[in-house]
Amino acid sequence: MQRIFSFYRDGFAGMTTGRTLWKIIVIKLLILFGVIRLFFMPDVLVEHYKSDAEKATHVMDALTRAVPAVTGAAVNIKKGGK
């Protein structure tokens, strides 16, 4: 375990171009997960439900809602062709 840690520690300490690339990666991740989330992922539960109990009930209903099973392509076709 110590050899693995020292391998990575020495590798990151000796980087020159890699440091700049890691900074770019971190900035890009902050933009992706921080800024974009604010604009494109609104908190729907806060907008539609006032109490925690209402939010919990909605989530439970959404997770446990029965979905009709589709058994084949002919599910919605009437018998007899009419």
C-alpha atoms as a PDB file:
ATOM      1  CA  MET A   1       0.000   0.000   0.000  1.00  0.00           C
ATOM      2  CA  GLN A   2       2.851   2.365   0.841  1.00  0.00           C
ATOM      3  CA  ARG A   3       4.492   1.717  -2.541  1.00  0.00           C
ATOM      4  CA  ILE A   4       1.268   2.588  -4.370  1.00  0.00           C
ATOM      5  CA  PHE A   5       0.843   5.811  -2.397  1.00  0.00           C
ATOM      6  CA  SER A   6       4.449   6.895  -2.976  1.00  0.00           C
ATOM      7  CA  PHE A   7       4.146   6.045  -6.694  1.00  0.00           C
ATOM      8  CA  TYR A   8       1.209   8.436  -7.115  1.00  0.00           C
ATOM      9  CA  ARG A   9       2.670  11.072  -4.777  1.00  0.00           C
ATOM     10  CA  ASP A  10       5.955  11.164  -6.675  1.00  0.00           C
ATOM     11  CA  GLY A  11       4.170  11.100 -10.024  1.00  0.00           C
ATOM     12  CA  PHE A  12       1.945  14.066  -9.207  1.00  0.00           C
ATOM     13  CA  ALA A  13       4.833  15.986  -7.641  1.00  0.00           C
ATOM     14  CA  GLY A  14       6.917  15.633 -10.801  1.00  0.00           C
ATOM     15  CA  MET A  15       4.220  16.761 -13.230  1.00  0.00           C
ATOM     16  CA  THR A  16       4.521  20.000 -15.165  1.00  0.00           C
ATOM     17  CA  THR A  17       2.034  19.852 -18.036  1.00  0.00           C
ATOM     18  CA  GLY A  18      -0.167  17.434 -16.118  1.00  0.00           C
ATOM     19  CA  ARG A  19      -0.839  19.982 -13.384  1.00  0.00           C
ATOM     20  CA  THR A  20      -2.320  22.386 -15.890  1.00  0.00           C
ATOM     21  CA  LEU A  21      -4.429  19.610 -17.386  1.00  0.00           C
ATOM     22  CA  TRP A  22      -5.735  18.582 -13.948  1.00  0.00           C
ATOM     23  CA  LYS A  23      -6.654  22.218 -13.223  1.00  0.00           C
ATOM     24  CA  ILE A  24      -8.587  22.357 -16.494  1.00  0.00           C
ATOM     25  CA  ILE A  25     -10.380  19.106 -15.615  1.00  0.00           C
ATOM     26  CA  VAL A  26     -11.359  20.393 -12.153  1.00  0.00           C
ATOM     27  CA  ILE A  27     -12.621  23.703 -13.557  1.00  0.00           C
ATOM     28  CA  LYS A  28     -14.613  21.859 -16.206  1.00  0.00           C
ATOM     29  CA  LEU A  29     -16.217  19.582 -13.594  1.00  0.00           C
ATOM     30  CA  LEU A  30     -17.123  22.571 -11.422  1.00  0.00           C
ATOM     31  CA  ILE A  31     -18.806  24.208 -14.394  1.00  0.00           C
ATOM     32  CA  LEU A  32     -20.629  21.033 -15.395  1.00  0.00           C
ATOM     33  CA  PHE A  33     -21.913  20.073 -11.969  1.00  0.00           C
ATOM     34  CA  GLY A  34     -22.205  23.501 -10.383  1.00  0.00           C
ATOM     35  CA  VAL A  35     -23.288  26.115 -12.847  1.00  0.00           C
ATOM     36  CA  ILE A  36     -25.262  24.013 -15.312  1.00  0.00           C
ATOM     37  CA  ARG A  37     -27.175  22.338 -12.478  1.00  0.00           C
ATOM     38  CA  LEU A  38     -28.461  25.708 -11.326  1.00  0.00           C
ATOM     39  CA  PHE A  39     -29.992  26.538 -14.702  1.00  0.00           C
ATOM     40  CA  PHE A  40     -31.141  23.199 -16.108  1.00  0.00           C
ATOM     41  CA  MET A  41     -32.077  21.085 -13.079  1.00  0.00           C
ATOM     42  CA  PRO A  42     -34.649  22.902 -10.935  1.00  0.00           C
ATOM     43  CA  ASP A  43     -35.731  21.389  -7.635  1.00  0.00           C
ATOM     44  CA  VAL A  44     -39.230  20.241  -8.597  1.00  0.00           C
ATOM     45  CA  LEU A  45     -40.136  18.943  -5.147  1.00  0.00           C
ATOM     46  CA  VAL A  46     -39.521  22.335  -3.529  1.00  0.00           C
ATOM     47  CA  GLU A  47     -41.606  24.084  -6.196  1.00  0.00           C
ATOM     48  CA  HIS A  48     -44.650  21.781  -5.947  1.00  0.00           C
ATOM     49  CA  TYR A  49     -44.734  20.503  -2.353  1.00  0.00           C
ATOM     50  CA  LYS A  50     -44.541  22.506   0.857  1.00  0.00           C
ATOM     51  CA  SER A  51     -43.877  19.938   3.592  1.00  0.00           C
ATOM     52  CA  ASP A  52     -41.453  17.050   3.862  1.00  0.00           C
ATOM     53  CA  ALA A  53     -44.367  14.645   4.287  1.00  0.00           C
ATOM     54  CA  GLU A  54     -45.879  15.706   0.933  1.00  0.00           C
ATOM     55  CA  LYS A  55     -42.483  15.319  -0.746  1.00  0.00           C
ATOM     56  CA  ALA A  56     -41.978  11.873   0.776  1.00  0.00           C
ATOM     57  CA  THR A  57     -45.456  10.744  -0.269  1.00  0.00           C
ATOM     58  CA  HIS A  58     -44.898  11.913  -3.847  1.00  0.00           C
ATOM     59  CA  VAL A  59     -41.533  10.144  -4.093  1.00  0.00           C
ATOM     60  CA  MET A  60     -42.942   6.931  -2.606  1.00  0.00           C
ATOM     61  CA  ASP A  61     -45.886   7.000  -5.020  1.00  0.00           C
ATOM     62  CA  ALA A  62     -43.595   7.620  -7.984  1.00  0.00           C
ATOM     63  CA  LEU A  63     -41.269   4.772  -7.004  1.00  0.00           C
ATOM     64  CA  THR A  64     -44.000   2.235  -6.270  1.00  0.00           C
ATOM     65  CA  ARG A  65     -46.459   3.119  -9.067  1.00  0.00           C
ATOM     66  CA  ALA A  66     -47.620   0.048 -10.970  1.00  0.00           C
ATOM     67  CA  VAL A  67     -46.628   0.152 -14.629  1.00  0.00           C
ATOM     68  CA  PRO A  68     -48.712  -1.919 -17.057  1.00  0.00           C
ATOM     69  CA  ALA A  69     -46.712  -4.764 -18.534  1.00  0.00           C
ATOM     70  CA  VAL A  70     -46.317  -4.886 -22.302  1.00  0.00           C
ATOM     71  CA  THR A  71     -46.316  -8.475 -23.477  1.00  0.00           C
ATOM     72  CA  GLY A  72     -45.916  -7.984 -27.196  1.00  0.00           C
ATOM     73  CA  ALA A  73     -46.486  -5.802 -30.219  1.00  0.00           C
ATOM     74  CA  ALA A  74     -50.134  -6.831 -30.577  1.00  0.00           C
ATOM     75  CA  VAL A  75     -51.288  -5.407 -27.231  1.00  0.00           C
ATOM     76  CA  ASN A  76     -53.373  -2.553 -28.675  1.00  0.00           C
ATOM     77  CA  ILE A  77     -54.658  -4.303 -31.802  1.00  0.00           C
ATOM     78  CA  LYS A  78     -58.347  -5.187 -31.801  1.00  0.00           C
ATOM     79  CA  LYS A  79     -59.379  -8.707 -32.671  1.00  0.00           C
ATOM     80  CA  GLY A  80     -60.958  -9.254 -36.062  1.00  0.00           C
ATOM     81  CA  GLY A  81     -59.081  -6.423 -37.787  1.00  0.00           C
ATOM     82  CA  LYS A  82     -61.760  -3.809 -37.056  1.00  0.00           C
END
